[in-house]
Amino acid sequence: NIREMRQQNNNGGRRNNGNQRSIIDQFTKLSPPSFLGAPNPDEAESWIASMQKIFGVLECAENKKVSLATFRLEGEADRWWELVSRNRDARLPPLLR
């Protein structure tokens, strides 16, 4: 149930591999919508609102939200994210990549 999910995710910000797997499983069970990209910004805002709702239920740590959300990107949206993340990583010093 939702209360158990929150308790499992609320680990003082510390996550181990078991907890990380658990949050991925819980995230998937909540059937997060995928996002293909859309010319209409309302569609993107609606997708973001849906994801925020799921993150709230899971009490998801900030550092996990991007990974979980981008996992649900598909098509053009996924290609866009790959370009953005590749460009971001190219600007980071080697020790931070």
N, C-alpha and C. Protein backbone atom coordinates (compact mmCIF):
# COMPACT_ATOMS: atom_id res chain seq x y z
N ASN A 1 0.83 -1.19 0.00
CA ASN A 1 0.00 0.00 0.00
C ASN A 1 0.88 1.26 0.00
N ILE A 2 0.24 2.39 -0.16
CA ILE A 2 0.99 3.64 -0.31
C ILE A 2 1.80 3.97 0.95
N ARG A 3 1.24 3.72 2.11
CA ARG A 3 1.96 4.00 3.36
C ARG A 3 3.24 3.17 3.45
N GLU A 4 3.18 1.91 3.08
CA GLU A 4 4.37 1.06 3.09
C GLU A 4 5.40 1.54 2.09
N MET A 5 4.95 1.99 0.89
CA MET A 5 5.87 2.52 -0.11
C MET A 5 6.62 3.72 0.44
N ARG A 6 5.89 4.62 1.10
CA ARG A 6 6.52 5.81 1.66
C ARG A 6 7.55 5.45 2.72
N GLN A 7 7.20 4.50 3.58
CA GLN A 7 8.13 4.09 4.63
C GLN A 7 9.40 3.48 4.05
N GLN A 8 9.25 2.69 3.00
CA GLN A 8 10.41 2.07 2.36
C GLN A 8 11.30 3.11 1.69
N ASN A 9 10.68 4.17 1.15
CA ASN A 9 11.45 5.20 0.44
C ASN A 9 12.02 6.25 1.36
N ASN A 10 11.48 6.38 2.56
CA ASN A 10 11.94 7.40 3.48
C ASN A 10 13.07 6.83 4.33
N ASN A 11 14.28 6.95 3.80
CA ASN A 11 15.44 6.36 4.44
C ASN A 11 16.47 7.43 4.75
N GLY A 12 16.01 8.61 5.14
CA GLY A 12 16.92 9.69 5.47
C GLY A 12 17.78 10.12 4.30
N GLY A 13 17.32 9.93 3.08
CA GLY A 13 18.10 10.31 1.90
C GLY A 13 19.12 9.27 1.50
N ARG A 14 19.31 8.24 2.32
CA ARG A 14 20.28 7.19 1.99
C ARG A 14 19.58 6.09 1.22
N ARG A 15 20.22 5.64 0.17
CA ARG A 15 19.65 4.57 -0.65
C ARG A 15 20.71 3.51 -0.88
N ASN A 16 20.29 2.26 -0.75
CA ASN A 16 21.19 1.19 -1.15
C ASN A 16 20.59 0.53 -2.38
N ASN A 17 21.26 -0.43 -2.95
CA ASN A 17 20.78 -1.04 -4.18
C ASN A 17 19.41 -1.67 -4.01
N GLY A 18 19.15 -2.27 -2.86
CA GLY A 18 17.83 -2.86 -2.61
C GLY A 18 16.75 -1.81 -2.60
N ASN A 19 16.99 -0.70 -1.95
CA ASN A 19 16.00 0.38 -1.92
C ASN A 19 15.83 1.00 -3.29
N GLN A 20 16.91 1.13 -4.05
CA GLN A 20 16.81 1.70 -5.39
C GLN A 20 15.94 0.79 -6.26
N ARG A 21 16.16 -0.48 -6.18
CA ARG A 21 15.33 -1.43 -6.93
C ARG A 21 13.88 -1.32 -6.48
N SER A 22 13.68 -1.17 -5.19
CA SER A 22 12.34 -1.06 -4.64
C SER A 22 11.61 0.16 -5.18
N ILE A 23 12.27 1.30 -5.23
CA ILE A 23 11.60 2.51 -5.72
C ILE A 23 11.29 2.38 -7.21
N ILE A 24 12.15 1.73 -7.96
CA ILE A 24 11.87 1.50 -9.39
C ILE A 24 10.64 0.60 -9.53
N ASP A 25 10.57 -0.45 -8.74
CA ASP A 25 9.41 -1.34 -8.78
C ASP A 25 8.13 -0.61 -8.40
N GLN A 26 8.21 0.19 -7.33
CA GLN A 26 7.04 0.94 -6.88
C GLN A 26 6.62 1.97 -7.92
N PHE A 27 7.58 2.63 -8.52
CA PHE A 27 7.32 3.61 -9.56
C PHE A 27 6.59 2.95 -10.72
N THR A 28 7.08 1.80 -11.14
CA THR A 28 6.48 1.08 -12.27
C THR A 28 5.07 0.61 -11.94
N LYS A 29 4.84 0.17 -10.71
CA LYS A 29 3.51 -0.29 -10.31
C LYS A 29 2.47 0.82 -10.37
N LEU A 30 2.90 2.06 -10.25
CA LEU A 30 1.97 3.18 -10.31
C LEU A 30 1.63 3.59 -11.74
N SER A 31 2.13 2.84 -12.70
CA SER A 31 1.85 3.05 -14.13
C SER A 31 2.09 4.48 -14.59
N PRO A 32 3.33 4.96 -14.45
CA PRO A 32 3.61 6.33 -14.88
C PRO A 32 3.43 6.46 -16.38
N PRO A 33 2.88 7.58 -16.83
CA PRO A 33 2.68 7.75 -18.27
C PRO A 33 4.01 7.95 -18.98
N SER A 34 4.06 7.53 -20.22
CA SER A 34 5.24 7.82 -21.03
C SER A 34 5.01 9.15 -21.73
N PHE A 35 6.08 9.74 -22.22
CA PHE A 35 5.98 11.01 -22.93
C PHE A 35 6.79 10.90 -24.21
N LEU A 36 6.13 11.14 -25.33
CA LEU A 36 6.77 11.03 -26.64
C LEU A 36 7.29 12.36 -27.16
N GLY A 37 6.92 13.44 -26.48
CA GLY A 37 7.18 14.77 -26.99
C GLY A 37 5.90 15.26 -27.63
N ALA A 38 5.68 16.55 -27.61
CA ALA A 38 4.45 17.09 -28.17
C ALA A 38 4.66 18.56 -28.51
N PRO A 39 4.08 19.01 -29.60
CA PRO A 39 4.20 20.43 -29.95
C PRO A 39 3.39 21.32 -29.02
N ASN A 40 2.39 20.75 -28.35
CA ASN A 40 1.54 21.50 -27.46
C ASN A 40 2.12 21.48 -26.04
N PRO A 41 2.51 22.64 -25.48
CA PRO A 41 3.10 22.67 -24.14
C PRO A 41 2.16 22.16 -23.05
N ASP A 42 0.85 22.22 -23.29
CA ASP A 42 -0.10 21.72 -22.30
C ASP A 42 0.07 20.22 -22.08
N GLU A 43 0.40 19.49 -23.13
CA GLU A 43 0.63 18.05 -23.00
C GLU A 43 1.86 17.77 -22.13
N ALA A 44 2.90 18.54 -22.34
CA ALA A 44 4.12 18.38 -21.53
C ALA A 44 3.83 18.73 -20.07
N GLU A 45 3.10 19.80 -19.85
CA GLU A 45 2.76 20.20 -18.48
C GLU A 45 1.90 19.16 -17.79
N SER A 46 0.98 18.56 -18.54
CA SER A 46 0.14 17.51 -17.98
C SER A 46 0.97 16.29 -17.58
N TRP A 47 1.93 15.93 -18.44
CA TRP A 47 2.82 14.80 -18.13
C TRP A 47 3.65 15.10 -16.88
N ILE A 48 4.18 16.30 -16.80
CA ILE A 48 4.98 16.69 -15.63
C ILE A 48 4.13 16.63 -14.37
N ALA A 49 2.90 17.13 -14.44
CA ALA A 49 2.01 17.09 -13.27
C ALA A 49 1.74 15.65 -12.84
N SER A 50 1.55 14.75 -13.81
CA SER A 50 1.34 13.33 -13.48
C SER A 50 2.55 12.74 -12.78
N MET A 51 3.74 13.08 -13.30
CA MET A 51 4.96 12.56 -12.69
C MET A 51 5.15 13.12 -11.28
N GLN A 52 4.86 14.40 -11.08
CA GLN A 52 5.00 15.01 -9.76
C GLN A 52 4.05 14.35 -8.76
N LYS A 53 2.88 13.99 -9.22
CA LYS A 53 1.92 13.31 -8.37
C LYS A 53 2.48 11.96 -7.90
N ILE A 54 3.06 11.24 -8.83
CA ILE A 54 3.67 9.94 -8.48
C ILE A 54 4.85 10.14 -7.53
N PHE A 55 5.70 11.12 -7.80
CA PHE A 55 6.83 11.38 -6.91
C PHE A 55 6.36 11.74 -5.51
N GLY A 56 5.26 12.46 -5.42
CA GLY A 56 4.70 12.81 -4.11
C GLY A 56 4.24 11.58 -3.34
N VAL A 57 3.58 10.66 -4.03
CA VAL A 57 3.12 9.42 -3.38
C VAL A 57 4.31 8.61 -2.89
N LEU A 58 5.35 8.56 -3.69
CA LEU A 58 6.53 7.77 -3.33
C LEU A 58 7.46 8.50 -2.36
N GLU A 59 7.19 9.81 -2.16
CA GLU A 59 8.11 10.65 -1.39
C GLU A 59 9.52 10.47 -1.94
N CYS A 60 9.61 10.60 -3.24
CA CYS A 60 10.82 10.35 -4.00
C CYS A 60 11.88 11.42 -3.71
N ALA A 61 13.11 10.99 -3.48
CA ALA A 61 14.22 11.91 -3.27
C ALA A 61 14.48 12.69 -4.56
N GLU A 62 14.86 13.94 -4.42
CA GLU A 62 15.10 14.81 -5.57
C GLU A 62 16.09 14.19 -6.56
N ASN A 63 17.13 13.56 -6.04
CA ASN A 63 18.16 13.02 -6.94
C ASN A 63 17.70 11.80 -7.74
N LYS A 64 16.53 11.26 -7.45
CA LYS A 64 15.99 10.12 -8.20
C LYS A 64 14.96 10.53 -9.24
N LYS A 65 14.39 11.72 -9.10
CA LYS A 65 13.29 12.13 -9.96
C LYS A 65 13.68 12.20 -11.43
N VAL A 66 14.84 12.74 -11.73
CA VAL A 66 15.25 12.87 -13.13
C VAL A 66 15.43 11.49 -13.76
N SER A 67 16.08 10.59 -13.05
CA SER A 67 16.28 9.24 -13.59
C SER A 67 14.97 8.53 -13.84
N LEU A 68 14.05 8.63 -12.90
CA LEU A 68 12.76 7.97 -13.07
C LEU A 68 11.95 8.60 -14.19
N ALA A 69 11.92 9.93 -14.23
CA ALA A 69 11.14 10.61 -15.26
C ALA A 69 11.69 10.34 -16.65
N THR A 70 12.99 10.44 -16.81
CA THR A 70 13.57 10.24 -18.14
C THR A 70 13.45 8.79 -18.61
N PHE A 71 13.27 7.88 -17.69
CA PHE A 71 13.02 6.48 -18.04
C PHE A 71 11.71 6.35 -18.83
N ARG A 72 10.78 7.28 -18.63
CA ARG A 72 9.48 7.24 -19.28
C ARG A 72 9.43 8.06 -20.57
N LEU A 73 10.55 8.66 -20.98
CA LEU A 73 10.59 9.38 -22.24
C LEU A 73 10.73 8.40 -23.38
N GLU A 74 10.04 8.68 -24.48
CA GLU A 74 10.11 7.82 -25.66
C GLU A 74 10.19 8.67 -26.90
N GLY A 75 10.59 8.08 -28.00
CA GLY A 75 10.59 8.76 -29.30
C GLY A 75 11.40 10.04 -29.30
N GLU A 76 10.79 11.09 -29.82
CA GLU A 76 11.48 12.39 -29.94
C GLU A 76 11.92 12.93 -28.58
N ALA A 77 11.10 12.73 -27.57
CA ALA A 77 11.44 13.22 -26.23
C ALA A 77 12.70 12.52 -25.71
N ASP A 78 12.80 11.23 -25.95
CA ASP A 78 13.98 10.48 -25.51
C ASP A 78 15.22 10.93 -26.28
N ARG A 79 15.10 11.14 -27.57
CA ARG A 79 16.24 11.63 -28.36
C ARG A 79 16.68 13.02 -27.89
N TRP A 80 15.70 13.88 -27.58
CA TRP A 80 16.02 15.21 -27.05
C TRP A 80 16.81 15.08 -25.75
N TRP A 81 16.34 14.20 -24.85
CA TRP A 81 17.02 14.05 -23.57
C TRP A 81 18.45 13.53 -23.75
N GLU A 82 18.63 12.60 -24.66
CA GLU A 82 19.98 12.08 -24.93
C GLU A 82 20.91 13.20 -25.36
N LEU A 83 20.45 14.09 -26.22
CA LEU A 83 21.27 15.23 -26.66
C LEU A 83 21.58 16.17 -25.51
N VAL A 84 20.56 16.48 -24.72
CA VAL A 84 20.75 17.38 -23.58
C VAL A 84 21.74 16.78 -22.58
N SER A 85 21.57 15.53 -22.23
CA SER A 85 22.45 14.92 -21.24
C SER A 85 23.86 14.73 -21.78
N ARG A 86 24.00 14.42 -23.06
CA ARG A 86 25.33 14.28 -23.66
C ARG A 86 26.06 15.63 -23.64
N ASN A 87 25.37 16.70 -24.01
CA ASN A 87 25.97 18.04 -24.00
C ASN A 87 26.32 18.47 -22.59
N ARG A 88 25.46 18.16 -21.63
CA ARG A 88 25.73 18.50 -20.23
C ARG A 88 26.96 17.76 -19.74
N ASP A 89 27.05 16.47 -20.03
CA ASP A 89 28.18 15.66 -19.59
C ASP A 89 29.48 16.11 -20.24
N ALA A 90 29.42 16.57 -21.48
CA ALA A 90 30.63 17.02 -22.18
C ALA A 90 31.21 18.27 -21.52
N ARG A 91 30.38 19.05 -20.86
CA ARG A 91 30.86 20.27 -20.20
C ARG A 91 31.40 20.02 -18.80
N LEU A 92 31.15 18.84 -18.24
CA LEU A 92 31.61 18.53 -16.89
C LEU A 92 33.08 18.10 -16.92
N PRO A 93 33.80 18.44 -15.87
CA PRO A 93 35.17 17.92 -15.77
C PRO A 93 35.14 16.40 -15.68
N PRO A 94 36.17 15.71 -16.16
CA PRO A 94 36.17 14.23 -16.19
C PRO A 94 35.85 13.58 -14.84
N LEU A 95 36.28 14.17 -13.75
CA LEU A 95 36.02 13.57 -12.43
C LEU A 95 34.56 13.60 -12.04
N LEU A 96 33.77 14.48 -12.65
CA LEU A 96 32.35 14.61 -12.29
C LEU A 96 31.42 13.87 -13.23
N ARG A 97 31.94 13.27 -14.27
CA ARG A 97 31.09 12.55 -15.23
C ARG A 97 30.65 11.23 -14.70
